[in-house]
Amino acid sequence: MAGLAGWRRGLGHKARNAPQFYVVIGLSFLVAMELAISAIDPIKALFYSQVLDGLIAPILIVLMLLITSSRKVMGDFTNGVLTNVTGWAAAGVMVLADVALAYQVARNGLPS
């Protein structure tokens, strides 16, 4: 995030030289502390975050394939045939897994 924003970053910088970086570190620490003292079960939170990741991943794979296959965007560095076939196959398998998950949740409900 800091690199994309052009901020100075890294623990090697003093706080006055990289204030945005240290604000992000501090806010992340506060969120972590809040989660640590809350009633949220960390294992369930980890489980559901991975379920969400599994639902979002095929969409991101498709978007990346579309971008990296575009000559307008990538110039001469577009994906090869093998990369495209592998990427689309991976996205397809993940969509099938997501459909199976949705069916299982609709049939049995969410795990407790």
C-alpha atoms as a PDB file:
ATOM      1  CA  MET A   1       0.000   0.000   0.000  1.00  0.00           C
ATOM      2  CA  ALA A   2       2.742   2.432   0.936  1.00  0.00           C
ATOM      3  CA  GLY A   3       4.690   1.670  -2.237  1.00  0.00           C
ATOM      4  CA  LEU A   4       1.651   2.287  -4.439  1.00  0.00           C
ATOM      5  CA  ALA A   5       0.934   5.569  -2.679  1.00  0.00           C
ATOM      6  CA  GLY A   6       4.541   6.705  -3.004  1.00  0.00           C
ATOM      7  CA  TRP A   7       5.008   6.925   0.768  1.00  0.00           C
ATOM      8  CA  ARG A   8       8.293   6.439   2.549  1.00  0.00           C
ATOM      9  CA  ARG A   9       8.051   3.074   4.180  1.00  0.00           C
ATOM     10  CA  GLY A  10       9.903   0.638   6.359  1.00  0.00           C
ATOM     11  CA  LEU A  11      10.896   0.327   9.974  1.00  0.00           C
ATOM     12  CA  GLY A  12      14.295   1.772   9.085  1.00  0.00           C
ATOM     13  CA  HIS A  13      12.697   5.229   8.788  1.00  0.00           C
ATOM     14  CA  LYS A  14      11.876   7.315  11.835  1.00  0.00           C
ATOM     15  CA  ALA A  15       8.189   8.036  12.429  1.00  0.00           C
ATOM     16  CA  ARG A  16       8.560  11.705  11.498  1.00  0.00           C
ATOM     17  CA  ASN A  17      10.043  10.707   8.113  1.00  0.00           C
ATOM     18  CA  ALA A  18       7.383   8.108   7.259  1.00  0.00           C
ATOM     19  CA  PRO A  19       4.233   9.191   9.147  1.00  0.00           C
ATOM     20  CA  GLN A  20       1.685   7.475   6.894  1.00  0.00           C
ATOM     21  CA  PHE A  21       3.517   4.159   7.202  1.00  0.00           C
ATOM     22  CA  TYR A  22       3.516   4.346  10.981  1.00  0.00           C
ATOM     23  CA  VAL A  23      -0.172   5.364  11.088  1.00  0.00           C
ATOM     24  CA  VAL A  24      -1.041   2.228   9.099  1.00  0.00           C
ATOM     25  CA  ILE A  25       1.117   0.103  11.431  1.00  0.00           C
ATOM     26  CA  GLY A  26      -0.555   1.655  14.479  1.00  0.00           C
ATOM     27  CA  LEU A  27      -4.087   1.200  13.144  1.00  0.00           C
ATOM     28  CA  SER A  28      -3.319  -2.416  12.227  1.00  0.00           C
ATOM     29  CA  PHE A  29      -2.076  -2.990  15.766  1.00  0.00           C
ATOM     30  CA  LEU A  30      -5.257  -1.477  17.236  1.00  0.00           C
ATOM     31  CA  VAL A  31      -7.466  -3.682  15.050  1.00  0.00           C
ATOM     32  CA  ALA A  32      -5.447  -6.753  16.092  1.00  0.00           C
ATOM     33  CA  MET A  33      -5.777  -5.827  19.770  1.00  0.00           C
ATOM     34  CA  GLU A  34      -9.528  -5.344  19.398  1.00  0.00           C
ATOM     35  CA  LEU A  35      -9.842  -8.777  17.804  1.00  0.00           C
ATOM     36  CA  ALA A  36      -7.709 -10.313  20.552  1.00  0.00           C
ATOM     37  CA  ILE A  37      -9.972  -9.052  23.350  1.00  0.00           C
ATOM     38  CA  SER A  38     -13.272  -9.540  21.519  1.00  0.00           C
ATOM     39  CA  ALA A  39     -15.485 -12.605  21.690  1.00  0.00           C
ATOM     40  CA  ILE A  40     -14.705 -13.509  18.067  1.00  0.00           C
ATOM     41  CA  ASP A  41     -13.349 -17.049  17.753  1.00  0.00           C
ATOM     42  CA  PRO A  42     -10.100 -16.660  15.781  1.00  0.00           C
ATOM     43  CA  ILE A  43     -10.406 -20.120  14.202  1.00  0.00           C
ATOM     44  CA  LYS A  44     -13.909 -19.345  12.916  1.00  0.00           C
ATOM     45  CA  ALA A  45     -12.725 -15.954  11.675  1.00  0.00           C
ATOM     46  CA  LEU A  46      -9.868 -17.645   9.822  1.00  0.00           C
ATOM     47  CA  PHE A  47     -12.237 -20.255   8.376  1.00  0.00           C
ATOM     48  CA  TYR A  48     -14.768 -17.716   7.107  1.00  0.00           C
ATOM     49  CA  SER A  49     -12.067 -15.421   5.738  1.00  0.00           C
ATOM     50  CA  GLN A  50     -10.804 -18.344   3.657  1.00  0.00           C
ATOM     51  CA  VAL A  51     -14.332 -19.129   2.452  1.00  0.00           C
ATOM     52  CA  LEU A  52     -14.640 -15.513   1.332  1.00  0.00           C
ATOM     53  CA  ASP A  53     -11.240 -15.750  -0.349  1.00  0.00           C
ATOM     54  CA  GLY A  54     -12.390 -18.856  -2.216  1.00  0.00           C
ATOM     55  CA  LEU A  55     -15.467 -17.028  -3.476  1.00  0.00           C
ATOM     56  CA  ILE A  56     -13.521 -13.974  -4.633  1.00  0.00           C
ATOM     57  CA  ALA A  57     -10.479 -15.749  -6.127  1.00  0.00           C
ATOM     58  CA  PRO A  58     -12.078 -16.950  -9.396  1.00  0.00           C
ATOM     59  CA  ILE A  59     -13.308 -13.437 -10.140  1.00  0.00           C
ATOM     60  CA  LEU A  60      -9.819 -12.040  -9.595  1.00  0.00           C
ATOM     61  CA  ILE A  61      -8.252 -14.788 -11.721  1.00  0.00           C
ATOM     62  CA  VAL A  62     -10.603 -13.984 -14.607  1.00  0.00           C
ATOM     63  CA  LEU A  63      -9.869 -10.259 -14.316  1.00  0.00           C
ATOM     64  CA  MET A  64      -6.116 -10.906 -14.280  1.00  0.00           C
ATOM     65  CA  LEU A  65      -6.393 -13.218 -17.297  1.00  0.00           C
ATOM     66  CA  LEU A  66      -8.343 -10.597 -19.230  1.00  0.00           C
ATOM     67  CA  ILE A  67      -5.817  -7.892 -18.403  1.00  0.00           C
ATOM     68  CA  THR A  68      -2.717  -9.998 -19.043  1.00  0.00           C
ATOM     69  CA  SER A  69      -4.119 -11.291 -22.339  1.00  0.00           C
ATOM     70  CA  SER A  70      -4.772  -7.787 -23.682  1.00  0.00           C
ATOM     71  CA  ARG A  71      -2.209  -6.506 -26.180  1.00  0.00           C
ATOM     72  CA  LYS A  72      -3.489  -2.992 -25.517  1.00  0.00           C
ATOM     73  CA  VAL A  73      -2.471  -3.287 -21.861  1.00  0.00           C
ATOM     74  CA  MET A  74       0.504  -5.665 -22.008  1.00  0.00           C
ATOM     75  CA  GLY A  75       2.013  -4.923 -25.416  1.00  0.00           C
ATOM     76  CA  ASP A  76       4.300  -7.788 -26.444  1.00  0.00           C
ATOM     77  CA  PHE A  77       4.173  -9.364 -22.985  1.00  0.00           C
ATOM     78  CA  THR A  78       0.741 -11.002 -23.144  1.00  0.00           C
ATOM     79  CA  ASN A  79       0.021 -14.466 -21.785  1.00  0.00           C
ATOM     80  CA  GLY A  80       0.947 -17.503 -23.802  1.00  0.00           C
ATOM     81  CA  VAL A  81      -1.542 -20.206 -24.729  1.00  0.00           C
ATOM     82  CA  LEU A  82      -0.460 -22.519 -21.893  1.00  0.00           C
ATOM     83  CA  THR A  83      -0.848 -19.759 -19.303  1.00  0.00           C
ATOM     84  CA  ASN A  84      -4.322 -18.886 -20.578  1.00  0.00           C
ATOM     85  CA  VAL A  85      -5.470 -22.516 -20.674  1.00  0.00           C
ATOM     86  CA  THR A  86      -4.126 -23.159 -17.178  1.00  0.00           C
ATOM     87  CA  GLY A  87      -5.623 -19.934 -15.811  1.00  0.00           C
ATOM     88  CA  TRP A  88      -9.066 -20.500 -17.301  1.00  0.00           C
ATOM     89  CA  ALA A  89      -9.031 -24.124 -16.112  1.00  0.00           C
ATOM     90  CA  ALA A  90      -8.124 -23.004 -12.582  1.00  0.00           C
ATOM     91  CA  ALA A  91     -10.905 -20.407 -12.621  1.00  0.00           C
ATOM     92  CA  GLY A  92     -13.369 -23.029 -13.877  1.00  0.00           C
ATOM     93  CA  VAL A  93     -12.423 -25.530 -11.166  1.00  0.00           C
ATOM     94  CA  MET A  94     -12.759 -22.817  -8.524  1.00  0.00           C
ATOM     95  CA  VAL A  95     -16.192 -21.804  -9.822  1.00  0.00           C
ATOM     96  CA  LEU A  96     -17.289 -25.460  -9.639  1.00  0.00           C
ATOM     97  CA  ALA A  97     -15.986 -25.640  -6.066  1.00  0.00           C
ATOM     98  CA  ASP A  98     -17.897 -22.449  -5.215  1.00  0.00           C
ATOM     99  CA  VAL A  99     -21.093 -23.907  -6.695  1.00  0.00           C
ATOM    100  CA  ALA A 100     -20.573 -27.080  -4.640  1.00  0.00           C
ATOM    101  CA  LEU A 101     -20.037 -24.964  -1.521  1.00  0.00           C
ATOM    102  CA  ALA A 102     -23.208 -22.950  -2.191  1.00  0.00           C
ATOM    103  CA  TYR A 103     -25.179 -26.180  -2.676  1.00  0.00           C
ATOM    104  CA  GLN A 104     -23.789 -27.656   0.525  1.00  0.00           C
ATOM    105  CA  VAL A 105     -24.573 -24.513   2.533  1.00  0.00           C
ATOM    106  CA  ALA A 106     -28.092 -24.326   1.051  1.00  0.00           C
ATOM    107  CA  ARG A 107     -28.682 -27.961   1.930  1.00  0.00           C
ATOM    108  CA  ASN A 108     -26.985 -28.225   5.334  1.00  0.00           C
ATOM    109  CA  GLY A 109     -26.529 -24.643   6.525  1.00  0.00           C
ATOM    110  CA  LEU A 110     -23.304 -23.023   7.660  1.00  0.00           C
ATOM    111  CA  PRO A 111     -20.978 -25.038   9.879  1.00  0.00           C
ATOM    112  CA  SER A 112     -21.055 -23.998  13.512  1.00  0.00           C
END
